Amino acid sequence: MKEIIVTRGGQKNPLIKEKDTFDSTIFVYNNNKLMFTANYVNTDFCKGYKGGIIKECSCYGIFYKRASGKMAFQLYNENFKTKKVKVSSRDCLSLRDITFTSLIPNPNQDMEKKIEAVLIHSDFYLGGASHGCITIYPEEFNKFVKLFKINEIVKVTITRDLNWTAPAIYEGN
């Protein structure tokens, strides 16, 4: 099984665009061998949006084609294992399966520290595509998606860089 490791704040030279700062990094491993690195990744929401921010965790993702025709990973939590059902498509997942802890109170969830339906998907060239999803700058995303097949399942680990300092929006978390 391939593994995606997201390192929040792992980019030493962030790409700053009008609506986002791509300050994180994604590493893709296959059998413990590094096969791809995306250097321009966003792990919170875009400028002008207020929502949740997925807390560092271990989870899974299933690769699928969105209604728009674009590709993405739907993240799902480890609670799914208790169902003893194999995930064969995104349709197998319930709302409970795609709900995560948020680092901050989420105005879209009555200020609870939770976030739902987190994806890994492409951002826009100016940023602005993330409402809490993990987004990859378009040029890198186009290379990233070539590594996966529809309905492929991967292990996803979201971590923080050791030198990362949380911006004000994360305060108290």
C-alpha atoms as a PDB file:
ATOM      1  CA  MET A   1       0.000   0.000   0.000  1.00  0.00           C
ATOM      2  CA  LYS A   2       1.321   3.442  -0.886  1.00  0.00           C
ATOM      3  CA  GLU A   3       1.665   6.032   1.844  1.00  0.00           C
ATOM      4  CA  ILE A   4       1.203   9.787   1.645  1.00  0.00           C
ATOM      5  CA  ILE A   5       2.925  11.808   4.346  1.00  0.00           C
ATOM      6  CA  VAL A   6       1.793  15.407   4.664  1.00  0.00           C
ATOM      7  CA  THR A   7       4.196  17.622   6.599  1.00  0.00           C
ATOM      8  CA  ARG A   8       2.443  20.788   7.730  1.00  0.00           C
ATOM      9  CA  GLY A   9       4.834  23.729   7.491  1.00  0.00           C
ATOM     10  CA  GLY A  10       7.483  21.493   5.962  1.00  0.00           C
ATOM     11  CA  GLN A  11       8.257  23.872   3.089  1.00  0.00           C
ATOM     12  CA  LYS A  12      11.278  26.024   3.889  1.00  0.00           C
ATOM     13  CA  ASN A  13      10.580  28.378   0.959  1.00  0.00           C
ATOM     14  CA  PRO A  14       6.783  28.616   0.778  1.00  0.00           C
ATOM     15  CA  LEU A  15       5.017  29.614  -2.398  1.00  0.00           C
ATOM     16  CA  ILE A  16       2.883  32.635  -1.558  1.00  0.00           C
ATOM     17  CA  LYS A  17      -0.031  33.341  -3.869  1.00  0.00           C
ATOM     18  CA  GLU A  18      -2.899  35.817  -3.719  1.00  0.00           C
ATOM     19  CA  LYS A  19      -5.326  33.500  -1.905  1.00  0.00           C
ATOM     20  CA  ASP A  20      -3.084  30.872  -0.268  1.00  0.00           C
ATOM     21  CA  THR A  21       0.328  30.116   1.130  1.00  0.00           C
ATOM     22  CA  PHE A  22       1.696  26.738   0.069  1.00  0.00           C
ATOM     23  CA  ASP A  23       3.936  26.069   3.072  1.00  0.00           C
ATOM     24  CA  SER A  24       3.640  22.314   3.460  1.00  0.00           C
ATOM     25  CA  THR A  25       5.072  19.245   1.727  1.00  0.00           C
ATOM     26  CA  ILE A  26       3.719  15.867   0.611  1.00  0.00           C
ATOM     27  CA  PHE A  27       5.871  12.769   0.268  1.00  0.00           C
ATOM     28  CA  VAL A  28       4.541   9.670  -1.529  1.00  0.00           C
ATOM     29  CA  TYR A  29       6.108   6.314  -0.652  1.00  0.00           C
ATOM     30  CA  ASN A  30       5.636   2.888  -2.170  1.00  0.00           C
ATOM     31  CA  ASN A  31       7.063  -0.007  -0.127  1.00  0.00           C
ATOM     32  CA  ASN A  32       8.988   2.516   1.996  1.00  0.00           C
ATOM     33  CA  LYS A  33      10.663   3.976  -1.106  1.00  0.00           C
ATOM     34  CA  LEU A  34      10.173   7.680  -1.828  1.00  0.00           C
ATOM     35  CA  MET A  35       8.563   8.031  -5.250  1.00  0.00           C
ATOM     36  CA  PHE A  36       7.351  11.650  -5.314  1.00  0.00           C
ATOM     37  CA  THR A  37       7.570  14.932  -3.424  1.00  0.00           C
ATOM     38  CA  ALA A  38       5.129  17.833  -3.779  1.00  0.00           C
ATOM     39  CA  ASN A  39       6.763  20.949  -2.387  1.00  0.00           C
ATOM     40  CA  TYR A  40       3.813  23.357  -2.588  1.00  0.00           C
ATOM     41  CA  VAL A  41       0.960  22.133  -0.425  1.00  0.00           C
ATOM     42  CA  ASN A  42      -1.692  23.932   1.659  1.00  0.00           C
ATOM     43  CA  THR A  43      -3.106  22.188   4.760  1.00  0.00           C
ATOM     44  CA  ASP A  44      -5.687  24.699   5.943  1.00  0.00           C
ATOM     45  CA  PHE A  45      -8.331  26.878   4.307  1.00  0.00           C
ATOM     46  CA  CYS A  46      -7.744  29.663   1.801  1.00  0.00           C
ATOM     47  CA  LYS A  47      -7.736  33.375   2.606  1.00  0.00           C
ATOM     48  CA  GLY A  48     -11.253  34.698   3.099  1.00  0.00           C
ATOM     49  CA  TYR A  49     -12.781  31.379   4.171  1.00  0.00           C
ATOM     50  CA  LYS A  50     -13.559  30.417   7.759  1.00  0.00           C
ATOM     51  CA  GLY A  51     -13.744  26.740   8.639  1.00  0.00           C
ATOM     52  CA  GLY A  52     -11.964  23.840  10.279  1.00  0.00           C
ATOM     53  CA  ILE A  53      -8.375  22.673   9.907  1.00  0.00           C
ATOM     54  CA  ILE A  54      -7.711  18.939  10.046  1.00  0.00           C
ATOM     55  CA  LYS A  55      -5.636  17.953  13.068  1.00  0.00           C
ATOM     56  CA  GLU A  56      -2.506  15.867  12.590  1.00  0.00           C
ATOM     57  CA  CYS A  57      -3.521  12.219  12.363  1.00  0.00           C
ATOM     58  CA  SER A  58      -3.196   8.879  10.626  1.00  0.00           C
ATOM     59  CA  CYS A  59      -5.987   7.951   8.243  1.00  0.00           C
ATOM     60  CA  TYR A  60      -6.637   6.522   4.783  1.00  0.00           C
ATOM     61  CA  GLY A  61      -7.524   7.946   1.413  1.00  0.00           C
ATOM     62  CA  ILE A  62      -9.338   6.567  -1.603  1.00  0.00           C
ATOM     63  CA  PHE A  63      -8.562   7.982  -5.048  1.00  0.00           C
ATOM     64  CA  TYR A  64     -11.601   8.905  -7.114  1.00  0.00           C
ATOM     65  CA  LYS A  65     -12.943  11.082  -9.920  1.00  0.00           C
ATOM     66  CA  ARG A  66     -15.040  14.021  -8.708  1.00  0.00           C
ATOM     67  CA  ALA A  67     -18.279  15.106 -10.405  1.00  0.00           C
ATOM     68  CA  SER A  68     -16.229  17.876 -12.067  1.00  0.00           C
ATOM     69  CA  GLY A  69     -14.064  15.201 -13.693  1.00  0.00           C
ATOM     70  CA  LYS A  70     -11.047  16.181 -11.599  1.00  0.00           C
ATOM     71  CA  MET A  71      -9.222  13.648  -9.431  1.00  0.00           C
ATOM     72  CA  ALA A  72      -8.949  13.694  -5.621  1.00  0.00           C
ATOM     73  CA  PHE A  73      -8.401  11.591  -2.528  1.00  0.00           C
ATOM     74  CA  GLN A  74     -11.278  11.316  -0.064  1.00  0.00           C
ATOM     75  CA  LEU A  75      -9.749  10.962   3.384  1.00  0.00           C
ATOM     76  CA  TYR A  76     -11.419   8.623   5.852  1.00  0.00           C
ATOM     77  CA  ASN A  77     -10.608   7.906   9.449  1.00  0.00           C
ATOM     78  CA  GLU A  78      -9.504   4.682  11.064  1.00  0.00           C
ATOM     79  CA  ASN A  79     -12.970   4.190  12.599  1.00  0.00           C
ATOM     80  CA  PHE A  80     -13.899   2.554   9.314  1.00  0.00           C
ATOM     81  CA  LYS A  81     -11.968  -0.574  10.367  1.00  0.00           C
ATOM     82  CA  THR A  82     -14.651  -1.346  12.958  1.00  0.00           C
ATOM     83  CA  LYS A  83     -17.177  -1.980  10.171  1.00  0.00           C
ATOM     84  CA  LYS A  84     -15.179  -4.949   8.895  1.00  0.00           C
ATOM     85  CA  VAL A  85     -16.098  -3.952   5.349  1.00  0.00           C
ATOM     86  CA  LYS A  86     -13.545  -3.385   2.621  1.00  0.00           C
ATOM     87  CA  VAL A  87     -13.601   0.099   1.144  1.00  0.00           C
ATOM     88  CA  SER A  88     -14.026  -0.445  -2.572  1.00  0.00           C
ATOM     89  CA  SER A  89     -15.220   3.022  -3.562  1.00  0.00           C
ATOM     90  CA  ARG A  90     -15.922   6.411  -2.045  1.00  0.00           C
ATOM     91  CA  ASP A  91     -19.623   5.466  -1.885  1.00  0.00           C
ATOM     92  CA  CYS A  92     -18.829   2.987   0.932  1.00  0.00           C
ATOM     93  CA  LEU A  93     -18.030   5.820   3.314  1.00  0.00           C
ATOM     94  CA  SER A  94     -20.505   7.382   5.740  1.00  0.00           C
ATOM     95  CA  LEU A  95     -20.371  10.878   7.235  1.00  0.00           C
ATOM     96  CA  ARG A  96     -18.896   9.369  10.416  1.00  0.00           C
ATOM     97  CA  ASP A  97     -16.073   7.846   8.370  1.00  0.00           C
ATOM     98  CA  ILE A  98     -15.093  11.192   6.838  1.00  0.00           C
ATOM     99  CA  THR A  99     -15.300  13.281  10.026  1.00  0.00           C
ATOM    100  CA  PHE A 100     -12.057  14.380  11.700  1.00  0.00           C
ATOM    101  CA  THR A 101     -10.893  16.485  14.624  1.00  0.00           C
ATOM    102  CA  SER A 102     -10.235  20.129  13.731  1.00  0.00           C
ATOM    103  CA  LEU A 103      -7.378  22.105  15.276  1.00  0.00           C
ATOM    104  CA  ILE A 104      -9.710  25.068  15.720  1.00  0.00           C
ATOM    105  CA  PRO A 105     -13.431  25.531  16.387  1.00  0.00           C
ATOM    106  CA  ASN A 106     -15.240  25.232  13.051  1.00  0.00           C
ATOM    107  CA  PRO A 107     -17.988  27.798  12.333  1.00  0.00           C
ATOM    108  CA  ASN A 108     -19.480  25.303   9.859  1.00  0.00           C
ATOM    109  CA  GLN A 109     -19.911  22.778  12.706  1.00  0.00           C
ATOM    110  CA  ASP A 110     -21.487  24.969  15.424  1.00  0.00           C
ATOM    111  CA  MET A 111     -17.956  25.883  16.619  1.00  0.00           C
ATOM    112  CA  GLU A 112     -17.153  22.248  17.431  1.00  0.00           C
ATOM    113  CA  LYS A 113     -13.601  21.089  16.773  1.00  0.00           C
ATOM    114  CA  LYS A 114     -14.551  18.866  13.873  1.00  0.00           C
ATOM    115  CA  ILE A 115     -14.260  18.934  10.113  1.00  0.00           C
ATOM    116  CA  GLU A 116     -15.942  16.769   7.484  1.00  0.00           C
ATOM    117  CA  ALA A 117     -15.182  15.629   3.951  1.00  0.00           C
ATOM    118  CA  VAL A 118     -11.482  16.511   3.798  1.00  0.00           C
ATOM    119  CA  LEU A 119      -9.931  15.811   0.406  1.00  0.00           C
ATOM    120  CA  ILE A 120      -6.503  16.007  -1.147  1.00  0.00           C
ATOM    121  CA  HIS A 121      -7.021  17.839  -4.429  1.00  0.00           C
ATOM    122  CA  SER A 122      -5.598  20.432  -6.785  1.00  0.00           C
ATOM    123  CA  ASP A 123      -5.649  24.086  -5.864  1.00  0.00           C
ATOM    124  CA  PHE A 124      -5.887  27.046  -8.270  1.00  0.00           C
ATOM    125  CA  TYR A 125      -2.853  28.940  -9.566  1.00  0.00           C
ATOM    126  CA  LEU A 126      -3.747  31.888  -7.292  1.00  0.00           C
ATOM    127  CA  GLY A 127      -4.854  29.584  -4.448  1.00  0.00           C
ATOM    128  CA  GLY A 128      -8.367  29.770  -3.052  1.00  0.00           C
ATOM    129  CA  ALA A 129      -9.581  26.202  -3.674  1.00  0.00           C
ATOM    130  CA  SER A 130      -9.337  24.917  -0.102  1.00  0.00           C
ATOM    131  CA  HIS A 131     -12.191  25.058   2.365  1.00  0.00           C
ATOM    132  CA  GLY A 132     -10.249  22.855   4.770  1.00  0.00           C
ATOM    133  CA  CYS A 133      -8.912  20.322   2.284  1.00  0.00           C
ATOM    134  CA  ILE A 134      -5.257  19.570   1.664  1.00  0.00           C
ATOM    135  CA  THR A 135      -4.455  21.137  -1.684  1.00  0.00           C
ATOM    136  CA  ILE A 136      -1.487  20.832  -4.001  1.00  0.00           C
ATOM    137  CA  TYR A 137      -0.339  23.537  -6.403  1.00  0.00           C
ATOM    138  CA  PRO A 138      -1.643  22.595  -9.910  1.00  0.00           C
ATOM    139  CA  GLU A 139       1.666  21.837 -11.641  1.00  0.00           C
ATOM    140  CA  GLU A 140       2.649  19.407  -8.901  1.00  0.00           C
ATOM    141  CA  PHE A 141      -0.843  17.948  -8.613  1.00  0.00           C
ATOM    142  CA  ASN A 142      -0.795  16.976 -12.301  1.00  0.00           C
ATOM    143  CA  LYS A 143       2.282  14.814 -11.587  1.00  0.00           C
ATOM    144  CA  PHE A 144       0.885  13.544  -8.260  1.00  0.00           C
ATOM    145  CA  VAL A 145      -2.317  12.085  -9.756  1.00  0.00           C
ATOM    146  CA  LYS A 146      -0.388   9.996 -12.276  1.00  0.00           C
ATOM    147  CA  LEU A 147       0.848   7.844  -9.372  1.00  0.00           C
ATOM    148  CA  PHE A 148      -2.604   6.440  -8.520  1.00  0.00           C
ATOM    149  CA  LYS A 149      -5.496   4.425  -9.955  1.00  0.00           C
ATOM    150  CA  ILE A 150      -9.202   4.971  -9.396  1.00  0.00           C
ATOM    151  CA  ASN A 151     -10.329   3.416  -6.070  1.00  0.00           C
ATOM    152  CA  GLU A 152      -6.739   2.915  -4.931  1.00  0.00           C
ATOM    153  CA  ILE A 153      -6.425   3.122  -1.156  1.00  0.00           C
ATOM    154  CA  VAL A 154      -3.438   4.712   0.543  1.00  0.00           C
ATOM    155  CA  LYS A 155      -2.325   5.306   4.108  1.00  0.00           C
ATOM    156  CA  VAL A 156      -2.195   9.039   4.920  1.00  0.00           C
ATOM    157  CA  THR A 157      -0.225  10.556   7.781  1.00  0.00           C
ATOM    158  CA  ILE A 158      -0.526  14.245   8.567  1.00  0.00           C
ATOM    159  CA  THR A 159       2.341  15.610  10.700  1.00  0.00           C
ATOM    160  CA  ARG A 160       3.930  18.948  11.648  1.00  0.00           C
ATOM    161  CA  ASP A 161       7.439  20.003  10.770  1.00  0.00           C
ATOM    162  CA  LEU A 162       9.519  20.252  13.965  1.00  0.00           C
ATOM    163  CA  ASN A 163      10.365  23.904  13.259  1.00  0.00           C
ATOM    164  CA  TRP A 164       6.833  24.921  12.302  1.00  0.00           C
ATOM    165  CA  THR A 165       5.236  27.651  14.359  1.00  0.00           C
ATOM    166  CA  ALA A 166       1.458  27.838  14.272  1.00  0.00           C
ATOM    167  CA  PRO A 167      -0.032  31.053  12.849  1.00  0.00           C
ATOM    168  CA  ALA A 168      -2.483  33.035  15.001  1.00  0.00           C
ATOM    169  CA  ILE A 169      -5.466  31.140  13.585  1.00  0.00           C
ATOM    170  CA  TYR A 170      -4.248  27.997  15.373  1.00  0.00           C
ATOM    171  CA  GLU A 171      -3.713  29.664  18.774  1.00  0.00           C
ATOM    172  CA  GLY A 172      -4.668  27.573  21.770  1.00  0.00           C
ATOM    173  CA  ASN A 173      -4.561  24.325  19.805  1.00  0.00           C
END
